[in-house]
Amino acid sequence: MKKAPNREVEPSLASLRKIPEVDLKTAKIHRNPFAERIAAEGIVHVKRGRPKKGQETGPTLPRSIRFSGPVWKRLEKHAKAKGLTLHAALRAAVLGWVSR
């Protein structure tokens, strides 16, 4: 049995006409709940992946941190509760500790 080719199909003009226009006066805008905290704490890059061109934060140095298994689990649980990645939570903790 042959596998179907992977083709990206554009929406037809008729289906695009059926989509209602967005009214920007009544549309809800959801702001990033972490933006103010990130700006205050100075976290360099919290989104996944490479930053867009022109938004690079400069060179960073990779380092290794050793924790026991239960400590990593607690860190992961705390980061997930705050809505952060594990590494973003570690950056925030280290920057908070250094700024004290």
Protein backbone atom coordinates (compact mmCIF):
# COMPACT_ATOMS: atom_id res chain seq x y z
CA MET A 1 0.00 0.00 0.00
CA LYS A 2 1.45 3.36 -1.04
CA LYS A 3 1.56 6.26 1.32
CA ALA A 4 -0.22 9.41 0.16
CA PRO A 5 2.13 12.28 -0.73
CA ASN A 6 2.40 15.06 1.82
CA ARG A 7 0.82 18.05 0.08
CA GLU A 8 -0.08 21.27 1.77
CA VAL A 9 -3.40 22.44 0.36
CA GLU A 10 -4.25 26.13 0.49
CA PRO A 11 -7.83 27.03 1.45
CA SER A 12 -10.06 27.85 -1.48
CA LEU A 13 -11.18 31.41 -2.14
CA ALA A 14 -14.77 30.40 -1.43
CA SER A 15 -13.87 29.05 2.02
CA LEU A 16 -11.82 32.18 2.76
CA ARG A 17 -14.82 34.37 1.90
CA LYS A 18 -16.92 32.46 4.46
CA ILE A 19 -14.52 33.29 7.30
CA PRO A 20 -15.83 36.37 9.14
CA GLU A 21 -13.54 39.38 9.50
CA VAL A 22 -12.10 40.00 12.95
CA ASP A 23 -13.41 43.11 14.67
CA LEU A 24 -10.34 44.46 16.44
CA LYS A 25 -12.44 46.78 18.60
CA THR A 26 -14.18 43.87 20.33
CA ALA A 27 -11.44 41.21 20.06
CA LYS A 28 -9.84 40.12 23.32
CA ILE A 29 -6.09 40.54 23.53
CA HIS A 30 -4.30 38.13 25.84
CA ARG A 31 -1.08 39.63 27.10
CA ASN A 32 1.86 37.52 28.22
CA PRO A 33 1.39 37.07 31.99
CA PHE A 34 5.16 36.71 32.48
CA ALA A 35 6.30 39.78 30.47
CA GLU A 36 6.63 42.15 33.44
CA ARG A 37 8.40 39.59 35.59
CA ILE A 38 10.78 38.69 32.76
CA ALA A 39 11.60 42.35 32.20
CA ALA A 40 12.20 42.87 35.92
CA GLU A 41 14.26 39.71 36.51
CA GLY A 42 16.26 39.97 33.31
CA ILE A 43 15.75 36.46 32.00
CA VAL A 44 17.58 36.35 28.70
CA HIS A 45 15.47 33.98 26.58
CA VAL A 46 12.52 31.93 27.81
CA LYS A 47 10.81 30.80 24.63
CA ARG A 48 11.71 27.51 23.06
CA GLY A 49 14.07 27.49 20.15
CA ARG A 50 16.38 30.05 18.65
CA PRO A 51 15.49 33.76 18.98
CA LYS A 52 14.52 35.66 15.84
CA LYS A 53 17.22 37.53 13.98
CA GLY A 54 17.92 40.83 15.71
CA GLN A 55 16.55 39.60 19.05
CA GLU A 56 19.61 37.61 20.07
CA THR A 57 20.72 38.13 23.64
CA GLY A 58 24.40 37.61 23.04
CA PRO A 59 26.59 34.61 23.71
CA THR A 60 25.72 32.33 26.61
CA LEU A 61 27.89 29.72 28.27
CA PRO A 62 26.49 26.24 28.85
CA ARG A 63 27.08 24.93 32.38
CA SER A 64 26.16 21.73 34.15
CA ILE A 65 24.30 21.52 37.46
CA ARG A 66 24.02 18.29 39.42
CA PHE A 67 21.01 17.63 41.62
CA SER A 68 19.62 14.40 42.99
CA GLY A 69 16.55 12.88 41.31
CA PRO A 70 14.04 14.08 43.94
CA VAL A 71 15.38 17.65 43.67
CA TRP A 72 14.95 17.62 39.87
CA LYS A 73 11.37 16.34 40.30
CA ARG A 74 10.59 19.17 42.75
CA LEU A 75 12.11 21.72 40.37
CA GLU A 76 10.12 20.37 37.42
CA LYS A 77 6.88 20.39 39.44
CA HIS A 78 7.47 23.97 40.65
CA ALA A 79 8.37 25.20 37.16
CA LYS A 80 5.26 23.58 35.66
CA ALA A 81 3.06 25.19 38.34
CA LYS A 82 4.52 28.60 37.43
CA GLY A 83 4.06 27.97 33.71
CA LEU A 84 7.78 28.03 32.96
CA THR A 85 10.21 25.62 31.42
CA LEU A 86 12.62 23.97 33.83
CA HIS A 87 15.56 25.96 32.51
CA ALA A 88 13.68 29.25 32.64
CA ALA A 89 12.78 28.54 36.27
CA LEU A 90 16.43 27.75 37.05
CA ARG A 91 17.52 30.99 35.38
CA ALA A 92 14.94 32.95 37.40
CA ALA A 93 16.06 31.30 40.64
CA VAL A 94 19.75 31.98 40.00
CA LEU A 95 19.13 35.59 38.93
CA GLY A 96 16.92 36.14 41.99
CA TRP A 97 19.60 34.72 44.26
CA VAL A 98 22.35 36.82 42.68
CA SER A 99 20.33 40.06 42.87
CA ARG A 100 19.67 39.69 46.63
